[in-house]
Amino acid sequence: MIEAIFPHVNWDKMWEATLETLYMTGMSVGITFVIGILLGLLLFLTAPGNLWQNKVFYAITSAVVNIFRSIPFIILIVLLIPFTKFLLDTIRGANAALPALIIGAAPFYARMVEIALREIDKGVIEAARSMGATTWTIIRKVLIPESMPALISGITVTAIALVGYTAMAGVIGAGGLGNLAFLDGFQRGRDDVTLMATIVILIIVFILQAIGDLITRKLDKR
């Protein structure tokens, strides 16, 4: 039955492409989560009125984040080709997509982290400071725990965006479902291959959203 609906689909290739997409998404989400939180903390802490307030540092960091957040991903991939070639000695394959995926997503997530931290009641932070808590203690015991539901919600949105980014990266030879849909589907006029790749991507997105929502609900004590 399924072979009749998708006559041109090579299921081994589809499975391999799915694993490549999951690999690119998983690696980039993990690294983006760490870099994004660090960048977001820097933006929050160095903003005027906060613990490490520094207008110059905040302005420079904010500008860099805004620049990389604003560049369309397909253009960013092309701009980063020399850097990727230098770093990995290749511009093809799943690993070659990671620099662009991370650089494209980390600034986006950093802004979401900054917004999440701004929503924390300043009274809680001031109470911790009045009790003699160090900045590191405030980060560890107040900022991260209080903002965790929003951080998880934000990384869920970022992860879903990264699935879309992997599909775009596939068009220039990064592998994954985007590469399969373009080369094996679109270029050969095999609409069933493109459709099946799209269905698998949608399934991945739905699963990511469900996992993110579940974790957020578990962490949200309100």
C-alpha atoms as a PDB file:
ATOM      1  CA  MET A   1       0.000   0.000   0.000  1.00  0.00           C
ATOM      2  CA  ILE A   2       2.647   2.525   1.103  1.00  0.00           C
ATOM      3  CA  GLU A   3       4.858   1.531  -1.847  1.00  0.00           C
ATOM      4  CA  ALA A   4       2.020   2.407  -4.200  1.00  0.00           C
ATOM      5  CA  ILE A   5       1.665   5.891  -2.693  1.00  0.00           C
ATOM      6  CA  PHE A   6       5.443   6.510  -2.552  1.00  0.00           C
ATOM      7  CA  PRO A   7       6.812   4.443  -5.479  1.00  0.00           C
ATOM      8  CA  HIS A   8      10.126   6.293  -5.808  1.00  0.00           C
ATOM      9  CA  VAL A   9      11.057   6.472  -2.138  1.00  0.00           C
ATOM     10  CA  ASN A  10      14.209   4.586  -1.193  1.00  0.00           C
ATOM     11  CA  TRP A  11      13.480   3.820   2.463  1.00  0.00           C
ATOM     12  CA  ASP A  12      17.123   3.163   3.360  1.00  0.00           C
ATOM     13  CA  LYS A  13      18.056   6.589   1.996  1.00  0.00           C
ATOM     14  CA  MET A  14      15.096   8.155   3.786  1.00  0.00           C
ATOM     15  CA  TRP A  15      16.165   6.597   7.087  1.00  0.00           C
ATOM     16  CA  GLU A  16      19.781   7.699   6.578  1.00  0.00           C
ATOM     17  CA  ALA A  17      18.649  11.251   5.746  1.00  0.00           C
ATOM     18  CA  THR A  18      16.419  11.277   8.839  1.00  0.00           C
ATOM     19  CA  LEU A  19      19.347  10.277  11.054  1.00  0.00           C
ATOM     20  CA  GLU A  20      21.489  13.012   9.491  1.00  0.00           C
ATOM     21  CA  THR A  21      18.770  15.583  10.179  1.00  0.00           C
ATOM     22  CA  LEU A  22      18.413  14.364  13.778  1.00  0.00           C
ATOM     23  CA  TYR A  23      22.189  14.497  14.213  1.00  0.00           C
ATOM     24  CA  MET A  24      22.473  18.056  12.863  1.00  0.00           C
ATOM     25  CA  THR A  25      19.490  19.195  14.921  1.00  0.00           C
ATOM     26  CA  GLY A  26      20.606  17.478  18.127  1.00  0.00           C
ATOM     27  CA  MET A  27      24.206  18.705  17.982  1.00  0.00           C
ATOM     28  CA  SER A  28      23.269  22.262  17.069  1.00  0.00           C
ATOM     29  CA  VAL A  29      20.493  22.452  19.704  1.00  0.00           C
ATOM     30  CA  GLY A  30      22.834  21.244  22.452  1.00  0.00           C
ATOM     31  CA  ILE A  31      25.611  23.706  21.593  1.00  0.00           C
ATOM     32  CA  THR A  32      23.124  26.538  20.924  1.00  0.00           C
ATOM     33  CA  PHE A  33      21.550  25.957  24.357  1.00  0.00           C
ATOM     34  CA  VAL A  34      24.906  26.453  26.098  1.00  0.00           C
ATOM     35  CA  ILE A  35      26.149  29.373  23.973  1.00  0.00           C
ATOM     36  CA  GLY A  36      22.725  31.032  23.973  1.00  0.00           C
ATOM     37  CA  ILE A  37      22.455  30.930  27.774  1.00  0.00           C
ATOM     38  CA  LEU A  38      25.978  32.345  28.168  1.00  0.00           C
ATOM     39  CA  LEU A  39      25.296  35.124  25.652  1.00  0.00           C
ATOM     40  CA  GLY A  40      21.874  35.827  27.159  1.00  0.00           C
ATOM     41  CA  LEU A  41      23.361  36.045  30.653  1.00  0.00           C
ATOM     42  CA  LEU A  42      26.014  38.465  29.395  1.00  0.00           C
ATOM     43  CA  LEU A  43      23.368  40.627  27.738  1.00  0.00           C
ATOM     44  CA  PHE A  44      21.221  40.621  30.866  1.00  0.00           C
ATOM     45  CA  LEU A  45      23.972  41.158  33.427  1.00  0.00           C
ATOM     46  CA  THR A  46      25.764  43.944  31.511  1.00  0.00           C
ATOM     47  CA  ALA A  47      22.561  45.851  30.707  1.00  0.00           C
ATOM     48  CA  PRO A  48      22.107  49.189  32.504  1.00  0.00           C
ATOM     49  CA  GLY A  49      20.913  48.703  36.084  1.00  0.00           C
ATOM     50  CA  ASN A  50      22.060  45.096  36.399  1.00  0.00           C
ATOM     51  CA  LEU A  51      24.884  43.370  38.298  1.00  0.00           C
ATOM     52  CA  TRP A  52      27.679  43.857  35.715  1.00  0.00           C
ATOM     53  CA  GLN A  53      26.285  46.950  34.034  1.00  0.00           C
ATOM     54  CA  ASN A  54      28.592  48.103  31.254  1.00  0.00           C
ATOM     55  CA  LYS A  55      26.996  50.196  28.532  1.00  0.00           C
ATOM     56  CA  VAL A  56      29.844  49.800  26.025  1.00  0.00           C
ATOM     57  CA  PHE A  57      30.118  46.008  26.396  1.00  0.00           C
ATOM     58  CA  TYR A  58      26.338  45.640  26.289  1.00  0.00           C
ATOM     59  CA  ALA A  59      26.060  47.804  23.157  1.00  0.00           C
ATOM     60  CA  ILE A  60      28.777  45.838  21.318  1.00  0.00           C
ATOM     61  CA  THR A  61      27.420  42.420  22.340  1.00  0.00           C
ATOM     62  CA  SER A  62      23.875  43.463  21.508  1.00  0.00           C
ATOM     63  CA  ALA A  63      24.954  44.724  18.080  1.00  0.00           C
ATOM     64  CA  VAL A  64      26.795  41.489  17.254  1.00  0.00           C
ATOM     65  CA  VAL A  65      23.801  39.412  18.342  1.00  0.00           C
ATOM     66  CA  ASN A  66      21.443  41.553  16.261  1.00  0.00           C
ATOM     67  CA  ILE A  67      23.640  41.293  13.155  1.00  0.00           C
ATOM     68  CA  PHE A  68      23.898  37.502  13.175  1.00  0.00           C
ATOM     69  CA  ARG A  69      20.250  37.153  14.197  1.00  0.00           C
ATOM     70  CA  SER A  70      19.159  39.224  11.212  1.00  0.00           C
ATOM     71  CA  ILE A  71      21.126  37.533   8.415  1.00  0.00           C
ATOM     72  CA  PRO A  72      18.905  35.124   6.412  1.00  0.00           C
ATOM     73  CA  PHE A  73      20.155  31.596   7.052  1.00  0.00           C
ATOM     74  CA  ILE A  74      20.756  30.665   3.414  1.00  0.00           C
ATOM     75  CA  ILE A  75      22.979  33.755   3.039  1.00  0.00           C
ATOM     76  CA  LEU A  76      24.758  32.978   6.321  1.00  0.00           C
ATOM     77  CA  ILE A  77      25.668  29.504   5.037  1.00  0.00           C
ATOM     78  CA  VAL A  78      27.277  31.024   1.943  1.00  0.00           C
ATOM     79  CA  LEU A  79      29.112  33.690   3.966  1.00  0.00           C
ATOM     80  CA  LEU A  80      30.499  31.021   6.318  1.00  0.00           C
ATOM     81  CA  ILE A  81      31.780  28.699   3.570  1.00  0.00           C
ATOM     82  CA  PRO A  82      35.422  29.911   3.928  1.00  0.00           C
ATOM     83  CA  PHE A  83      35.224  29.602   7.738  1.00  0.00           C
ATOM     84  CA  THR A  84      33.663  26.126   7.500  1.00  0.00           C
ATOM     85  CA  LYS A  85      36.304  25.049   4.965  1.00  0.00           C
ATOM     86  CA  PHE A  86      39.080  26.309   7.273  1.00  0.00           C
ATOM     87  CA  LEU A  87      37.545  24.668  10.346  1.00  0.00           C
ATOM     88  CA  LEU A  88      36.574  21.273   8.919  1.00  0.00           C
ATOM     89  CA  ASP A  89      38.422  21.123   5.588  1.00  0.00           C
ATOM     90  CA  THR A  90      35.117  20.438   3.831  1.00  0.00           C
ATOM     91  CA  ILE A  91      31.835  22.192   3.077  1.00  0.00           C
ATOM     92  CA  ARG A  92      29.806  19.030   2.512  1.00  0.00           C
ATOM     93  CA  GLY A  93      28.160  16.645   4.967  1.00  0.00           C
ATOM     94  CA  ALA A  94      26.292  16.962   8.236  1.00  0.00           C
ATOM     95  CA  ASN A  95      29.269  18.236  10.259  1.00  0.00           C
ATOM     96  CA  ALA A  96      29.906  21.025   7.742  1.00  0.00           C
ATOM     97  CA  ALA A  97      26.431  22.410   8.440  1.00  0.00           C
ATOM     98  CA  LEU A  98      27.011  22.732  12.187  1.00  0.00           C
ATOM     99  CA  PRO A  99      28.969  26.039  12.243  1.00  0.00           C
ATOM    100  CA  ALA A 100      26.267  27.845  10.252  1.00  0.00           C
ATOM    101  CA  LEU A 101      23.461  26.216  12.264  1.00  0.00           C
ATOM    102  CA  ILE A 102      25.005  27.224  15.585  1.00  0.00           C
ATOM    103  CA  ILE A 103      26.025  30.741  14.531  1.00  0.00           C
ATOM    104  CA  GLY A 104      22.573  31.253  13.037  1.00  0.00           C
ATOM    105  CA  ALA A 105      20.617  29.970  16.045  1.00  0.00           C
ATOM    106  CA  ALA A 106      22.690  30.977  19.101  1.00  0.00           C
ATOM    107  CA  PRO A 107      22.082  34.770  18.786  1.00  0.00           C
ATOM    108  CA  PHE A 108      18.364  34.135  18.228  1.00  0.00           C
ATOM    109  CA  TYR A 109      18.190  32.006  21.379  1.00  0.00           C
ATOM    110  CA  ALA A 110      20.374  34.467  23.328  1.00  0.00           C
ATOM    111  CA  ARG A 111      17.715  37.140  22.868  1.00  0.00           C
ATOM    112  CA  MET A 112      15.061  34.742  24.136  1.00  0.00           C
ATOM    113  CA  VAL A 113      17.254  34.010  27.181  1.00  0.00           C
ATOM    114  CA  GLU A 114      17.673  37.739  27.841  1.00  0.00           C
ATOM    115  CA  ILE A 115      13.897  38.270  27.634  1.00  0.00           C
ATOM    116  CA  ALA A 116      13.296  35.331  30.000  1.00  0.00           C
ATOM    117  CA  LEU A 117      15.771  36.755  32.534  1.00  0.00           C
ATOM    118  CA  ARG A 118      14.207  40.219  32.351  1.00  0.00           C
ATOM    119  CA  GLU A 119      10.868  38.731  33.379  1.00  0.00           C
ATOM    120  CA  ILE A 120      12.276  37.581  36.733  1.00  0.00           C
ATOM    121  CA  ASP A 121      11.052  39.691  39.636  1.00  0.00           C
ATOM    122  CA  LYS A 122      13.894  42.087  40.491  1.00  0.00           C
ATOM    123  CA  GLY A 123      12.860  41.830  44.135  1.00  0.00           C
ATOM    124  CA  VAL A 124      14.051  38.213  44.196  1.00  0.00           C
ATOM    125  CA  ILE A 125      17.460  39.240  42.845  1.00  0.00           C
ATOM    126  CA  GLU A 126      17.738  42.137  45.304  1.00  0.00           C
ATOM    127  CA  ALA A 127      16.786  39.837  48.192  1.00  0.00           C
ATOM    128  CA  ALA A 128      19.574  37.435  47.207  1.00  0.00           C
ATOM    129  CA  ARG A 129      22.072  40.334  46.990  1.00  0.00           C
ATOM    130  CA  SER A 130      21.020  41.675  50.396  1.00  0.00           C
ATOM    131  CA  MET A 131      21.787  38.261  51.902  1.00  0.00           C
ATOM    132  CA  GLY A 132      25.330  38.469  50.551  1.00  0.00           C
ATOM    133  CA  ALA A 133      24.951  36.121  47.590  1.00  0.00           C
ATOM    134  CA  THR A 134      27.711  36.384  44.981  1.00  0.00           C
ATOM    135  CA  THR A 135      26.909  36.973  41.326  1.00  0.00           C
ATOM    136  CA  TRP A 136      27.699  33.333  40.545  1.00  0.00           C
ATOM    137  CA  THR A 137      25.326  32.195  43.313  1.00  0.00           C
ATOM    138  CA  ILE A 138      22.591  34.501  41.999  1.00  0.00           C
ATOM    139  CA  ILE A 139      23.059  33.061  38.485  1.00  0.00           C
ATOM    140  CA  ARG A 140      23.000  29.483  39.772  1.00  0.00           C
ATOM    141  CA  LYS A 141      20.332  29.755  42.454  1.00  0.00           C
ATOM    142  CA  VAL A 142      18.050  32.515  41.150  1.00  0.00           C
ATOM    143  CA  LEU A 143      18.386  33.452  37.487  1.00  0.00           C
ATOM    144  CA  ILE A 144      18.637  29.987  35.904  1.00  0.00           C
ATOM    145  CA  PRO A 145      16.030  28.199  38.113  1.00  0.00           C
ATOM    146  CA  GLU A 146      13.516  31.055  37.926  1.00  0.00           C
ATOM    147  CA  SER A 147      13.758  31.354  34.157  1.00  0.00           C
ATOM    148  CA  MET A 148      14.059  27.626  33.338  1.00  0.00           C
ATOM    149  CA  PRO A 149      10.480  27.123  32.005  1.00  0.00           C
ATOM    150  CA  ALA A 150      10.966  30.062  29.624  1.00  0.00           C
ATOM    151  CA  LEU A 151      14.448  28.795  28.677  1.00  0.00           C
ATOM    152  CA  ILE A 152      13.054  25.379  27.760  1.00  0.00           C
ATOM    153  CA  SER A 153      10.180  26.948  25.849  1.00  0.00           C
ATOM    154  CA  GLY A 154      12.691  29.118  23.996  1.00  0.00           C
ATOM    155  CA  ILE A 155      15.011  26.252  23.083  1.00  0.00           C
ATOM    156  CA  THR A 156      11.981  24.319  21.813  1.00  0.00           C
ATOM    157  CA  VAL A 157      11.154  27.164  19.420  1.00  0.00           C
ATOM    158  CA  THR A 158      14.840  27.343  18.434  1.00  0.00           C
ATOM    159  CA  ALA A 159      15.036  23.580  17.872  1.00  0.00           C
ATOM    160  CA  ILE A 160      12.058  23.712  15.512  1.00  0.00           C
ATOM    161  CA  ALA A 161      13.688  26.593  13.630  1.00  0.00           C
ATOM    162  CA  LEU A 162      16.880  24.528  13.409  1.00  0.00           C
ATOM    163  CA  VAL A 163      15.006  21.651  11.771  1.00  0.00           C
ATOM    164  CA  GLY A 164      14.042  24.129   9.053  1.00  0.00           C
ATOM    165  CA  TYR A 165      17.631  25.378   8.869  1.00  0.00           C
ATOM    166  CA  THR A 166      18.908  21.821   8.333  1.00  0.00           C
ATOM    167  CA  ALA A 167      16.555  21.489   5.378  1.00  0.00           C
ATOM    168  CA  MET A 168      18.017  24.670   3.842  1.00  0.00           C
ATOM    169  CA  ALA A 169      21.552  23.477   4.581  1.00  0.00           C
ATOM    170  CA  GLY A 170      20.708  20.251   2.749  1.00  0.00           C
ATOM    171  CA  VAL A 171      20.149  22.186  -0.472  1.00  0.00           C
ATOM    172  CA  ILE A 172      23.865  23.046  -0.608  1.00  0.00           C
ATOM    173  CA  GLY A 173      25.024  19.510   0.183  1.00  0.00           C
ATOM    174  CA  ALA A 174      24.878  19.223   3.972  1.00  0.00           C
ATOM    175  CA  GLY A 175      22.876  16.003   3.800  1.00  0.00           C
ATOM    176  CA  GLY A 176      19.690  15.226   5.669  1.00  0.00           C
ATOM    177  CA  LEU A 177      16.079  15.360   4.572  1.00  0.00           C
ATOM    178  CA  GLY A 178      16.449  18.723   2.828  1.00  0.00           C
ATOM    179  CA  ASN A 179      19.219  17.337   0.639  1.00  0.00           C
ATOM    180  CA  LEU A 180      17.176  14.226  -0.176  1.00  0.00           C
ATOM    181  CA  ALA A 181      14.037  16.245  -0.955  1.00  0.00           C
ATOM    182  CA  PHE A 182      15.962  18.568  -3.272  1.00  0.00           C
ATOM    183  CA  LEU A 183      18.274  16.154  -5.096  1.00  0.00           C
ATOM    184  CA  ASP A 184      16.242  12.961  -5.106  1.00  0.00           C
ATOM    185  CA  GLY A 185      12.823  14.596  -5.137  1.00  0.00           C
ATOM    186  CA  PHE A 186      12.637  18.029  -6.750  1.00  0.00           C
ATOM    187  CA  GLN A 187      15.467  17.721  -9.285  1.00  0.00           C
ATOM    188  CA  ARG A 188      14.275  14.325 -10.516  1.00  0.00           C
ATOM    189  CA  GLY A 189      10.589  15.225 -10.529  1.00  0.00           C
ATOM    190  CA  ARG A 190       9.783  12.689  -7.821  1.00  0.00           C
ATOM    191  CA  ASP A 191       7.101  14.487  -5.866  1.00  0.00           C
ATOM    192  CA  ASP A 192       6.517  11.494  -3.588  1.00  0.00           C
ATOM    193  CA  VAL A 193      10.098  11.691  -2.278  1.00  0.00           C
ATOM    194  CA  THR A 194       9.712  15.399  -1.523  1.00  0.00           C
ATOM    195  CA  LEU A 195       6.356  14.741   0.153  1.00  0.00           C
ATOM    196  CA  MET A 196       7.712  11.909   2.298  1.00  0.00           C
ATOM    197  CA  ALA A 197      10.710  14.003   3.399  1.00  0.00           C
ATOM    198  CA  THR A 198       8.300  16.799   4.330  1.00  0.00           C
ATOM    199  CA  ILE A 199       6.129  14.400   6.337  1.00  0.00           C
ATOM    200  CA  VAL A 200       9.158  13.136   8.274  1.00  0.00           C
ATOM    201  CA  ILE A 201      10.263  16.718   9.010  1.00  0.00           C
ATOM    202  CA  LEU A 202       6.759  17.531  10.291  1.00  0.00           C
ATOM    203  CA  ILE A 203       6.818  14.457  12.535  1.00  0.00           C
ATOM    204  CA  ILE A 204      10.181  15.568  13.984  1.00  0.00           C
ATOM    205  CA  VAL A 205       8.781  19.068  14.604  1.00  0.00           C
ATOM    206  CA  PHE A 206       5.653  17.720  16.334  1.00  0.00           C
ATOM    207  CA  ILE A 207       7.741  15.441  18.561  1.00  0.00           C
ATOM    208  CA  LEU A 208      10.105  18.290  19.510  1.00  0.00           C
ATOM    209  CA  GLN A 209       7.164  20.548  20.345  1.00  0.00           C
ATOM    210  CA  ALA A 210       5.495  17.849  22.450  1.00  0.00           C
ATOM    211  CA  ILE A 211       8.705  17.148  24.392  1.00  0.00           C
ATOM    212  CA  GLY A 212       9.338  20.869  24.943  1.00  0.00           C
ATOM    213  CA  ASP A 213       5.773  21.475  26.139  1.00  0.00           C
ATOM    214  CA  LEU A 214       5.942  18.502  28.512  1.00  0.00           C
ATOM    215  CA  ILE A 215       9.229  19.626  30.100  1.00  0.00           C
ATOM    216  CA  THR A 216       8.007  23.224  30.373  1.00  0.00           C
ATOM    217  CA  ARG A 217       4.830  22.106  32.176  1.00  0.00           C
ATOM    218  CA  LYS A 218       6.854  19.956  34.560  1.00  0.00           C
ATOM    219  CA  LEU A 219       9.189  22.848  35.427  1.00  0.00           C
ATOM    220  CA  ASP A 220       6.571  25.578  35.657  1.00  0.00           C
ATOM    221  CA  LYS A 221       5.537  25.758  39.332  1.00  0.00           C
ATOM    222  CA  ARG A 222       3.006  28.595  38.844  1.00  0.00           C
END
